[in-house]
Structures are given as structure tokens and as C-alpha cells.
């Protein structure tokens, strides 16, 4: 579901209205997508059938060897694009954010969706603030916007509340297990 929201966000950012009229209004995009599915599936069959033995051997490699190798190759790839240490630091920061999101059971796709839709939301926030002469009360005057703010805040608090007590309970159980 989050991946679908991500795809819809990308289409909207590029000025493409998703929906049933996409086929008639943007046939080149629709049929290009269908063609890319066909080409992708054919390439998967062509590549996977002869290489199935290699993929099976990759599965037998222990994770303690595979993870550092992946990190090294990713670092080499990131550094080789611009020859910049800043890119490596940025990759490490986002790797840490991704690890924390996985640890706290947050969906990483939602962060990507935020990066994609963030500039669009910021643009509309600026418009609303200009139209209201800088008064943030415009967001709570209308019942629809107030409802969206309340519901969003409720779900955000619910998500945070439901994550931390489970972690605390597991940590307490682990400590009890070590003491006995």
C-alpha cells in the first residue's frame, strides 16, 4: 500500500492525474508502463534461467560475510559517483535512519513518500500563508482542515505510543531473563 501511495505521489508531482482517464489522456505513459513490464519480465526469464545456480549459491553465503561485502560495495558506489566524502556521510546518516526505522517498525517507504511530496506540501503551505497574511489560524478555521489535523495528530500519537511501550516491555522481560 505505501508503494502505491509513492507511485501516485510521483505521478501527481509530474503533473499526471492518476485515475481511469490516464489511458485516454496519457496513452504514451500507460502503454510505456505496460511495455516496460513485458520487457522486464522477459529480461528476468533470460537472465534468471541460466544463472539460477549462481543465485542458489549466493543463498548459502552466511550473512556475516554478505553484509560487510554489501556495505563495502555500496560505499564504493556512492563515493565513485562524485568522489565526495560528504556523500558517504549522507549515506551513513540515511543508513542509520533506515536502521532506526526498522528497529521501531516504521515503514521506510513513508519516508521516501515524505521526501517526494514534501516540496509540494511546502509550496501549498506557503500559498496558504500568503493568502492568509501569515495567520496560521487559517488551518483550524475550516472544519475539513481541522479534522485532517486532528486525525493526523491522533494517528501520529497512536503510532508513537504503540511503539515505545512494546520496546520497554521487551527490554524489561530481557532483563528479568538475565537475572534468573
N, C-alpha and C. Protein backbone atom coordinates (compact mmCIF):
# COMPACT_ATOMS: atom_id res chain seq x y z
N UNK A 1 0.81 -1.19 0.00
CA UNK A 1 0.00 0.00 0.00
C UNK A 1 0.86 1.27 0.00
N UNK A 2 1.91 1.34 0.84
CA UNK A 2 2.73 2.55 0.81
C UNK A 2 3.41 2.75 -0.55
N UNK A 3 3.76 1.65 -1.20
CA UNK A 3 4.40 1.77 -2.51
C UNK A 3 3.44 2.36 -3.53
N UNK A 4 2.18 2.00 -3.43
CA UNK A 4 1.18 2.56 -4.34
C UNK A 4 1.01 4.05 -4.09
N UNK A 5 1.01 4.45 -2.82
CA UNK A 5 0.92 5.87 -2.49
C UNK A 5 2.13 6.62 -3.02
N UNK A 6 3.29 5.98 -2.97
CA UNK A 6 4.50 6.58 -3.51
C UNK A 6 4.38 6.79 -5.02
N UNK A 7 3.87 5.79 -5.72
CA UNK A 7 3.71 5.92 -7.17
C UNK A 7 2.69 7.00 -7.51
N UNK A 8 1.61 7.08 -6.76
CA UNK A 8 0.62 8.13 -7.00
C UNK A 8 1.21 9.51 -6.76
N UNK A 9 2.03 9.62 -5.70
CA UNK A 9 2.70 10.90 -5.42
C UNK A 9 3.63 11.32 -6.54
N UNK A 10 4.37 10.38 -7.09
CA UNK A 10 5.28 10.70 -8.20
C UNK A 10 4.49 11.15 -9.42
N UNK A 11 3.39 10.47 -9.72
CA UNK A 11 2.58 10.88 -10.86
C UNK A 11 2.03 12.29 -10.67
N UNK A 12 1.55 12.59 -9.48
CA UNK A 12 0.98 13.92 -9.21
C UNK A 12 2.04 14.99 -9.32
N UNK A 13 3.24 14.71 -8.82
CA UNK A 13 4.33 15.70 -8.89
C UNK A 13 4.67 16.03 -10.33
N UNK A 14 4.59 15.03 -11.20
CA UNK A 14 4.92 15.26 -12.61
C UNK A 14 3.73 15.78 -13.41
N UNK A 15 2.65 16.14 -12.72
CA UNK A 15 1.51 16.74 -13.39
C UNK A 15 0.61 15.74 -14.10
N UNK A 16 0.70 14.48 -13.72
CA UNK A 16 -0.12 13.45 -14.35
C UNK A 16 -1.22 13.09 -13.37
N UNK A 17 -2.47 13.21 -13.81
CA UNK A 17 -3.60 12.91 -12.95
C UNK A 17 -3.88 11.42 -13.01
N UNK A 18 -3.59 10.67 -11.91
CA UNK A 18 -3.87 9.23 -11.94
C UNK A 18 -5.38 8.98 -11.88
N UNK A 19 -5.78 7.88 -12.45
CA UNK A 19 -7.19 7.52 -12.45
C UNK A 19 -7.57 6.82 -13.73
N UNK A 20 -8.87 6.58 -13.92
CA UNK A 20 -9.30 5.83 -15.10
C UNK A 20 -9.07 6.55 -16.41
N UNK A 21 -8.95 7.88 -16.38
CA UNK A 21 -8.73 8.63 -17.63
C UNK A 21 -7.26 8.68 -18.03
N UNK A 22 -6.39 8.06 -17.25
CA UNK A 22 -4.96 8.06 -17.58
C UNK A 22 -4.71 7.42 -18.94
N UNK A 23 -5.47 6.38 -19.26
CA UNK A 23 -5.28 5.68 -20.54
C UNK A 23 -5.61 6.60 -21.72
N UNK A 24 -6.67 7.39 -21.59
CA UNK A 24 -7.06 8.24 -22.72
C UNK A 24 -6.28 9.56 -22.74
N UNK A 25 -5.90 10.10 -21.56
CA UNK A 25 -5.21 11.38 -21.53
C UNK A 25 -3.70 11.25 -21.71
N UNK A 26 -3.13 10.18 -21.23
CA UNK A 26 -1.68 9.96 -21.31
C UNK A 26 -1.40 8.55 -21.83
N UNK A 27 -1.79 8.22 -23.06
CA UNK A 27 -1.60 6.83 -23.52
C UNK A 27 -0.13 6.43 -23.62
N UNK A 28 0.76 7.39 -23.92
CA UNK A 28 2.17 7.04 -24.04
C UNK A 28 2.74 6.57 -22.70
N UNK A 29 2.30 7.15 -21.60
CA UNK A 29 2.77 6.72 -20.29
C UNK A 29 2.19 5.35 -19.94
N UNK A 30 0.90 5.18 -20.17
CA UNK A 30 0.25 3.91 -19.84
C UNK A 30 0.86 2.76 -20.63
N UNK A 31 0.94 2.91 -21.96
CA UNK A 31 1.47 1.81 -22.77
C UNK A 31 2.98 1.65 -22.58
N UNK A 32 3.67 2.72 -22.24
CA UNK A 32 5.10 2.60 -21.90
C UNK A 32 5.29 1.77 -20.64
N UNK A 33 4.40 1.96 -19.67
CA UNK A 33 4.46 1.17 -18.45
C UNK A 33 4.18 -0.29 -18.73
N UNK A 34 3.16 -0.56 -19.54
CA UNK A 34 2.84 -1.95 -19.91
C UNK A 34 4.01 -2.58 -20.65
N UNK A 35 4.61 -1.84 -21.59
CA UNK A 35 5.75 -2.37 -22.34
C UNK A 35 6.94 -2.63 -21.42
N UNK A 36 7.16 -1.75 -20.45
CA UNK A 36 8.29 -1.97 -19.53
C UNK A 36 8.06 -3.21 -18.67
N UNK A 37 6.81 -3.50 -18.32
CA UNK A 37 6.52 -4.75 -17.59
C UNK A 37 6.89 -5.96 -18.44
N UNK A 38 6.51 -5.93 -19.71
CA UNK A 38 6.82 -7.05 -20.60
C UNK A 38 8.33 -7.22 -20.76
N UNK A 39 9.02 -6.12 -21.03
CA UNK A 39 10.47 -6.20 -21.23
C UNK A 39 11.15 -6.67 -19.95
N UNK A 40 10.71 -6.15 -18.81
CA UNK A 40 11.30 -6.56 -17.54
C UNK A 40 11.11 -8.04 -17.27
N UNK A 41 9.92 -8.55 -17.53
CA UNK A 41 9.68 -9.97 -17.30
C UNK A 41 10.48 -10.85 -18.25
N UNK A 42 10.60 -10.44 -19.49
CA UNK A 42 11.39 -11.22 -20.45
C UNK A 42 12.86 -11.21 -20.02
N UNK A 43 13.36 -10.05 -19.60
CA UNK A 43 14.76 -9.98 -19.15
C UNK A 43 14.99 -10.83 -17.90
N UNK A 44 14.01 -10.87 -17.00
CA UNK A 44 14.15 -11.72 -15.82
C UNK A 44 14.25 -13.19 -16.20
N UNK A 45 13.43 -13.62 -17.15
CA UNK A 45 13.49 -15.01 -17.59
C UNK A 45 14.82 -15.30 -18.27
N UNK A 46 15.26 -14.39 -19.15
CA UNK A 46 16.52 -14.60 -19.88
C UNK A 46 17.70 -14.65 -18.92
N UNK A 47 17.71 -13.80 -17.93
CA UNK A 47 18.84 -13.75 -17.00
C UNK A 47 18.76 -14.81 -15.91
N UNK A 48 17.58 -15.09 -15.42
CA UNK A 48 17.47 -15.99 -14.27
C UNK A 48 17.60 -17.47 -14.63
N UNK A 49 17.13 -17.88 -15.78
CA UNK A 49 17.23 -19.30 -16.11
C UNK A 49 18.67 -19.79 -16.18
N UNK A 50 19.58 -19.10 -16.90
CA UNK A 50 20.95 -19.60 -16.92
C UNK A 50 21.72 -19.36 -15.61
N UNK A 51 21.30 -18.38 -14.83
CA UNK A 51 22.07 -18.01 -13.64
C UNK A 51 21.46 -18.56 -12.34
N UNK A 52 20.51 -19.47 -12.43
CA UNK A 52 19.84 -19.96 -11.23
C UNK A 52 20.82 -20.63 -10.27
N UNK A 53 21.82 -21.31 -10.79
CA UNK A 53 22.82 -21.96 -9.92
C UNK A 53 23.61 -20.95 -9.11
N UNK A 54 23.94 -19.83 -9.73
CA UNK A 54 24.69 -18.79 -9.02
C UNK A 54 23.83 -18.18 -7.92
N UNK A 55 22.54 -17.93 -8.21
CA UNK A 55 21.66 -17.34 -7.20
C UNK A 55 21.50 -18.28 -6.01
N UNK A 56 21.43 -19.59 -6.27
CA UNK A 56 21.31 -20.55 -5.17
C UNK A 56 22.57 -20.55 -4.33
N UNK A 57 23.74 -20.43 -4.97
CA UNK A 57 24.99 -20.40 -4.21
C UNK A 57 25.09 -19.13 -3.36
N UNK A 58 24.52 -18.02 -3.85
CA UNK A 58 24.51 -16.80 -3.04
C UNK A 58 23.71 -17.00 -1.75
N UNK A 59 22.67 -17.82 -1.83
CA UNK A 59 21.86 -18.07 -0.63
C UNK A 59 22.62 -18.84 0.43
N UNK A 60 23.65 -19.57 0.03
CA UNK A 60 24.41 -20.35 1.01
C UNK A 60 25.51 -19.53 1.69
N UNK A 61 25.75 -18.30 1.24
CA UNK A 61 26.76 -17.45 1.87
C UNK A 61 26.21 -16.95 3.20
N UNK A 62 26.97 -17.13 4.29
CA UNK A 62 26.48 -16.65 5.60
C UNK A 62 26.34 -15.13 5.62
N UNK A 63 25.37 -14.66 6.37
CA UNK A 63 25.09 -13.23 6.46
C UNK A 63 26.26 -12.43 7.02
N UNK A 64 27.06 -13.06 7.89
CA UNK A 64 28.19 -12.32 8.48
C UNK A 64 29.25 -11.97 7.44
N UNK A 65 29.27 -12.66 6.30
CA UNK A 65 30.18 -12.31 5.21
C UNK A 65 29.48 -11.41 4.18
N UNK A 66 28.21 -11.66 3.98
CA UNK A 66 27.48 -10.95 2.93
C UNK A 66 27.21 -9.49 3.29
N UNK A 67 26.83 -9.23 4.54
CA UNK A 67 26.50 -7.85 4.94
C UNK A 67 27.69 -6.90 4.80
N UNK A 68 28.88 -7.24 5.33
CA UNK A 68 30.01 -6.31 5.13
C UNK A 68 30.37 -6.11 3.66
N UNK A 69 30.24 -7.16 2.86
CA UNK A 69 30.53 -7.02 1.43
C UNK A 69 29.56 -6.05 0.77
N UNK A 70 28.29 -6.14 1.14
CA UNK A 70 27.28 -5.23 0.58
C UNK A 70 27.60 -3.80 0.99
N UNK A 71 27.95 -3.59 2.27
CA UNK A 71 28.27 -2.24 2.74
C UNK A 71 29.48 -1.68 2.00
N UNK A 72 30.49 -2.51 1.79
CA UNK A 72 31.69 -2.05 1.07
C UNK A 72 31.34 -1.66 -0.37
N UNK A 73 30.57 -2.50 -1.06
CA UNK A 73 30.21 -2.18 -2.44
C UNK A 73 29.33 -0.93 -2.53
N UNK A 74 28.44 -0.75 -1.56
CA UNK A 74 27.61 0.46 -1.56
C UNK A 74 28.47 1.69 -1.33
N UNK A 75 29.43 1.61 -0.39
CA UNK A 75 30.33 2.75 -0.14
C UNK A 75 31.16 3.09 -1.37
N UNK A 76 31.66 2.07 -2.04
CA UNK A 76 32.44 2.30 -3.26
C UNK A 76 31.57 2.97 -4.32
N UNK A 77 30.35 2.48 -4.49
CA UNK A 77 29.46 3.06 -5.48
C UNK A 77 29.09 4.50 -5.17
N UNK A 78 28.79 4.78 -3.90
CA UNK A 78 28.41 6.14 -3.53
C UNK A 78 29.58 7.10 -3.70
N UNK A 79 30.77 6.67 -3.28
CA UNK A 79 31.93 7.55 -3.38
C UNK A 79 32.34 7.77 -4.84
N UNK A 80 32.19 6.74 -5.67
CA UNK A 80 32.66 6.85 -7.05
C UNK A 80 31.81 7.79 -7.91
N UNK A 81 30.60 8.09 -7.50
CA UNK A 81 29.75 8.96 -8.32
C UNK A 81 30.30 10.37 -8.36
N UNK A 82 30.62 10.96 -7.19
CA UNK A 82 31.10 12.35 -7.13
C UNK A 82 32.47 12.49 -6.48
N UNK A 83 33.08 11.41 -6.05
CA UNK A 83 34.35 11.44 -5.31
C UNK A 83 34.25 12.39 -4.11
N UNK A 84 33.16 12.25 -3.36
CA UNK A 84 32.88 13.15 -2.25
C UNK A 84 32.66 12.36 -0.97
N UNK A 85 33.40 12.76 0.08
CA UNK A 85 33.21 12.13 1.38
C UNK A 85 31.86 12.52 1.97
N UNK A 86 31.36 13.69 1.60
CA UNK A 86 30.05 14.12 2.09
C UNK A 86 28.97 13.13 1.67
N UNK A 87 29.08 12.60 0.47
CA UNK A 87 28.11 11.61 0.01
C UNK A 87 28.15 10.35 0.90
N UNK A 88 29.35 9.97 1.32
CA UNK A 88 29.47 8.82 2.22
C UNK A 88 28.82 9.10 3.56
N UNK A 89 29.05 10.29 4.10
CA UNK A 89 28.44 10.65 5.38
C UNK A 89 26.92 10.70 5.27
N UNK A 90 26.44 11.22 4.15
CA UNK A 90 24.99 11.27 3.93
C UNK A 90 24.42 9.86 3.86
N UNK A 91 25.13 8.96 3.15
CA UNK A 91 24.69 7.58 3.06
C UNK A 91 24.66 6.93 4.44
N UNK A 92 25.68 7.19 5.25
CA UNK A 92 25.72 6.62 6.60
C UNK A 92 24.58 7.16 7.45
N UNK A 93 24.30 8.44 7.31
CA UNK A 93 23.19 9.04 8.07
C UNK A 93 21.86 8.39 7.69
N UNK A 94 21.63 8.24 6.38
CA UNK A 94 20.38 7.63 5.95
C UNK A 94 20.34 6.14 6.28
N UNK A 95 21.50 5.49 6.30
CA UNK A 95 21.55 4.10 6.75
C UNK A 95 21.15 3.98 8.20
N UNK A 96 21.63 4.91 9.03
CA UNK A 96 21.26 4.92 10.45
C UNK A 96 19.77 5.21 10.62
N UNK A 97 19.25 6.16 9.85
CA UNK A 97 17.81 6.45 9.90
C UNK A 97 17.01 5.21 9.49
N UNK A 98 17.45 4.53 8.44
CA UNK A 98 16.77 3.32 8.00
C UNK A 98 16.82 2.22 9.04
N UNK A 99 17.98 2.08 9.70
CA UNK A 99 18.09 1.07 10.76
C UNK A 99 17.15 1.39 11.92
N UNK A 100 17.11 2.65 12.33
CA UNK A 100 16.21 3.04 13.43
C UNK A 100 14.75 2.86 13.04
N UNK A 101 14.43 3.16 11.78
CA UNK A 101 13.05 2.96 11.33
C UNK A 101 12.69 1.48 11.36
N UNK A 102 13.61 0.63 10.97
CA UNK A 102 13.34 -0.81 11.01
C UNK A 102 13.24 -1.29 12.46
N UNK A 103 14.09 -0.75 13.33
CA UNK A 103 14.08 -1.14 14.73
C UNK A 103 12.76 -0.78 15.40
N UNK A 104 12.23 0.39 15.07
CA UNK A 104 10.97 0.84 15.66
C UNK A 104 9.75 0.49 14.80
N UNK A 105 9.94 -0.38 13.82
CA UNK A 105 8.86 -0.88 12.95
C UNK A 105 8.14 0.22 12.18
N UNK A 106 8.88 1.19 11.69
CA UNK A 106 8.30 2.21 10.81
C UNK A 106 8.57 1.80 9.37
N UNK A 107 7.67 2.17 8.50
CA UNK A 107 7.78 1.81 7.09
C UNK A 107 8.70 2.80 6.38
N UNK A 108 9.85 2.36 5.82
CA UNK A 108 10.76 3.29 5.15
C UNK A 108 10.16 3.95 3.91
N UNK A 109 9.20 3.30 3.28
CA UNK A 109 8.59 3.87 2.08
C UNK A 109 7.90 5.19 2.42
N UNK A 110 7.39 5.30 3.64
CA UNK A 110 6.72 6.53 4.03
C UNK A 110 7.69 7.70 4.09
N UNK A 111 8.94 7.44 4.49
CA UNK A 111 9.95 8.49 4.49
C UNK A 111 10.23 8.96 3.06
N UNK A 112 10.33 8.01 2.15
CA UNK A 112 10.56 8.36 0.74
C UNK A 112 9.37 9.15 0.21
N UNK A 113 8.17 8.74 0.57
CA UNK A 113 6.97 9.47 0.16
C UNK A 113 7.00 10.89 0.70
N UNK A 114 7.48 11.05 1.94
CA UNK A 114 7.61 12.39 2.51
C UNK A 114 8.59 13.25 1.74
N UNK A 115 9.71 12.65 1.30
CA UNK A 115 10.68 13.40 0.50
C UNK A 115 10.10 13.81 -0.84
N UNK A 116 9.27 12.96 -1.41
CA UNK A 116 8.70 13.27 -2.72
C UNK A 116 7.59 14.32 -2.60
N UNK A 117 6.71 14.14 -1.62
CA UNK A 117 5.57 15.04 -1.50
C UNK A 117 5.90 16.27 -0.65
N UNK A 118 7.00 16.27 0.07
CA UNK A 118 7.36 17.38 0.94
C UNK A 118 7.44 18.73 0.24
N UNK A 119 8.19 18.83 -0.88
CA UNK A 119 8.25 20.13 -1.56
C UNK A 119 6.89 20.62 -2.05
N UNK A 120 6.04 19.70 -2.50
CA UNK A 120 4.71 20.08 -2.94
C UNK A 120 3.88 20.60 -1.77
N UNK A 121 3.97 19.93 -0.63
CA UNK A 121 3.24 20.38 0.56
C UNK A 121 3.76 21.73 1.03
N UNK A 122 5.08 21.91 0.95
CA UNK A 122 5.67 23.19 1.36
C UNK A 122 5.19 24.33 0.46
N UNK A 123 5.09 24.07 -0.83
CA UNK A 123 4.61 25.07 -1.77
C UNK A 123 3.17 25.49 -1.43
N UNK A 124 2.31 24.53 -1.15
CA UNK A 124 0.93 24.86 -0.81
C UNK A 124 0.82 25.50 0.56
N UNK A 125 1.72 25.14 1.49
CA UNK A 125 1.74 25.81 2.79
C UNK A 125 2.08 27.29 2.62
N UNK A 126 3.07 27.57 1.78
CA UNK A 126 3.44 28.96 1.51
C UNK A 126 2.27 29.73 0.90
N UNK A 127 1.59 29.11 -0.05
CA UNK A 127 0.43 29.76 -0.68
C UNK A 127 -0.64 30.09 0.35
N UNK A 128 -0.92 29.11 1.23
CA UNK A 128 -1.95 29.33 2.24
C UNK A 128 -1.54 30.44 3.20
N UNK A 129 -0.27 30.48 3.57
CA UNK A 129 0.20 31.51 4.49
C UNK A 129 0.17 32.89 3.82
N UNK A 130 0.48 32.96 2.53
CA UNK A 130 0.42 34.24 1.82
C UNK A 130 -1.02 34.71 1.72
N UNK A 131 -1.93 33.81 1.36
CA UNK A 131 -3.34 34.18 1.24
C UNK A 131 -3.94 34.61 2.57
N UNK A 132 -3.43 34.04 3.69
CA UNK A 132 -3.99 34.39 5.00
C UNK A 132 -3.17 35.46 5.70
N UNK A 133 -2.27 36.10 4.99
CA UNK A 133 -1.40 37.16 5.54
C UNK A 133 -0.58 36.67 6.74
N UNK A 134 -0.13 35.43 6.67
CA UNK A 134 0.74 34.88 7.70
C UNK A 134 0.02 34.38 8.94
N UNK A 135 -1.29 34.25 8.91
CA UNK A 135 -2.04 33.78 10.07
C UNK A 135 -2.19 32.26 10.01
N UNK A 136 -1.54 31.52 10.95
CA UNK A 136 -1.66 30.05 10.93
C UNK A 136 -3.04 29.56 11.36
N UNK A 137 -3.87 30.43 11.86
CA UNK A 137 -5.22 30.05 12.26
C UNK A 137 -6.08 29.63 11.10
N UNK A 138 -5.64 29.90 9.89
CA UNK A 138 -6.41 29.53 8.71
C UNK A 138 -6.57 28.00 8.62
N UNK A 139 -5.65 27.27 9.25
CA UNK A 139 -5.71 25.81 9.17
C UNK A 139 -6.71 25.21 10.14
N UNK A 140 -7.16 25.98 11.12
CA UNK A 140 -8.14 25.45 12.07
C UNK A 140 -9.50 26.14 11.94
N UNK A 141 -9.62 27.11 11.04
CA UNK A 141 -10.90 27.79 10.84
C UNK A 141 -11.91 26.90 10.14
N UNK A 142 -11.46 26.19 9.14
CA UNK A 142 -12.36 25.36 8.34
C UNK A 142 -12.49 23.98 8.97
N UNK A 143 -13.67 23.40 8.99
CA UNK A 143 -13.87 22.09 9.63
C UNK A 143 -13.07 20.97 8.95
N UNK A 144 -12.93 21.04 7.64
CA UNK A 144 -12.22 19.96 6.94
C UNK A 144 -10.74 19.96 7.31
N UNK A 145 -10.09 21.13 7.27
CA UNK A 145 -8.67 21.17 7.60
C UNK A 145 -8.45 20.85 9.08
N UNK A 146 -9.33 21.30 9.94
CA UNK A 146 -9.21 20.99 11.36
C UNK A 146 -9.35 19.49 11.59
N UNK A 147 -10.30 18.87 10.90
CA UNK A 147 -10.48 17.41 11.02
C UNK A 147 -9.24 16.67 10.57
N UNK A 148 -8.66 17.08 9.44
CA UNK A 148 -7.44 16.42 8.97
C UNK A 148 -6.30 16.59 9.96
N UNK A 149 -6.15 17.76 10.54
CA UNK A 149 -5.09 17.98 11.52
C UNK A 149 -5.30 17.14 12.77
N UNK A 150 -6.52 17.07 13.26
CA UNK A 150 -6.80 16.28 14.46
C UNK A 150 -6.58 14.79 14.20
N UNK A 151 -7.08 14.29 13.07
CA UNK A 151 -6.93 12.87 12.75
C UNK A 151 -5.46 12.53 12.54
N UNK A 152 -4.72 13.38 11.84
CA UNK A 152 -3.29 13.14 11.62
C UNK A 152 -2.53 13.14 12.93
N UNK A 153 -2.84 14.08 13.81
CA UNK A 153 -2.18 14.13 15.12
C UNK A 153 -2.51 12.90 15.95
N UNK A 154 -3.76 12.46 15.89
CA UNK A 154 -4.17 11.27 16.63
C UNK A 154 -3.39 10.05 16.17
N UNK A 155 -3.29 9.85 14.85
CA UNK A 155 -2.58 8.69 14.34
C UNK A 155 -1.08 8.77 14.62
N UNK A 156 -0.52 9.95 14.57
CA UNK A 156 0.90 10.11 14.90
C UNK A 156 1.15 9.75 16.35
N UNK A 157 0.32 10.25 17.26
CA UNK A 157 0.48 9.92 18.67
C UNK A 157 0.23 8.44 18.93
N UNK A 158 -0.75 7.87 18.25
CA UNK A 158 -1.03 6.44 18.40
C UNK A 158 0.15 5.60 17.95
N UNK A 159 0.77 5.98 16.84
CA UNK A 159 1.92 5.25 16.34
C UNK A 159 3.09 5.33 17.32
N UNK A 160 3.37 6.51 17.83
CA UNK A 160 4.47 6.66 18.78
C UNK A 160 4.17 5.92 20.08
N UNK A 161 2.93 6.04 20.56
CA UNK A 161 2.56 5.39 21.82
C UNK A 161 2.62 3.87 21.69
N UNK A 162 2.19 3.33 20.56
CA UNK A 162 2.17 1.87 20.41
C UNK A 162 3.56 1.29 20.21
N UNK A 163 4.51 2.08 19.78
CA UNK A 163 5.86 1.57 19.56
C UNK A 163 6.67 1.49 20.85
N UNK A 164 6.66 2.55 21.63
CA UNK A 164 7.56 2.60 22.78
C UNK A 164 7.18 1.66 23.92
N UNK A 165 5.92 1.47 24.28
CA UNK A 165 5.64 0.52 25.35
C UNK A 165 6.05 -0.91 25.02
N UNK A 166 5.91 -1.33 23.77
CA UNK A 166 6.33 -2.69 23.40
C UNK A 166 7.83 -2.86 23.56
N UNK A 167 8.60 -1.86 23.16
CA UNK A 167 10.05 -1.93 23.31
C UNK A 167 10.44 -1.97 24.79
N UNK A 168 9.79 -1.16 25.60
CA UNK A 168 10.09 -1.13 27.03
C UNK A 168 9.73 -2.47 27.68
N UNK A 169 8.62 -3.06 27.27
CA UNK A 169 8.20 -4.34 27.83
C UNK A 169 9.19 -5.44 27.45
N UNK A 170 9.65 -5.45 26.19
CA UNK A 170 10.62 -6.46 25.77
C UNK A 170 11.95 -6.29 26.51
N UNK A 171 12.37 -5.05 26.70
CA UNK A 171 13.62 -4.81 27.42
C UNK A 171 13.50 -5.27 28.87
N UNK A 172 12.35 -5.01 29.51
CA UNK A 172 12.14 -5.44 30.89
C UNK A 172 12.14 -6.96 30.99
N UNK A 173 11.51 -7.63 30.02
CA UNK A 173 11.50 -9.09 30.02
C UNK A 173 12.89 -9.66 29.81
N UNK A 174 13.69 -9.00 28.97
CA UNK A 174 15.06 -9.46 28.74
C UNK A 174 15.89 -9.32 30.01
N UNK A 175 15.70 -8.23 30.74
CA UNK A 175 16.44 -8.04 31.99
C UNK A 175 16.03 -9.07 33.02
N UNK A 176 14.74 -9.39 33.11
CA UNK A 176 14.28 -10.40 34.05
C UNK A 176 14.88 -11.76 33.71
N UNK A 177 14.98 -12.05 32.42
CA UNK A 177 15.54 -13.33 31.99
C UNK A 177 17.02 -13.45 32.33
N UNK A 178 17.76 -12.35 32.28
CA UNK A 178 19.19 -12.37 32.60
C UNK A 178 19.42 -12.52 34.10
N UNK A 179 18.50 -12.01 34.91
CA UNK A 179 18.68 -12.06 36.35
C UNK A 179 18.41 -13.45 36.90
N UNK A 180 17.55 -14.23 36.24
CA UNK A 180 17.20 -15.56 36.76
C UNK A 180 18.08 -16.61 36.21
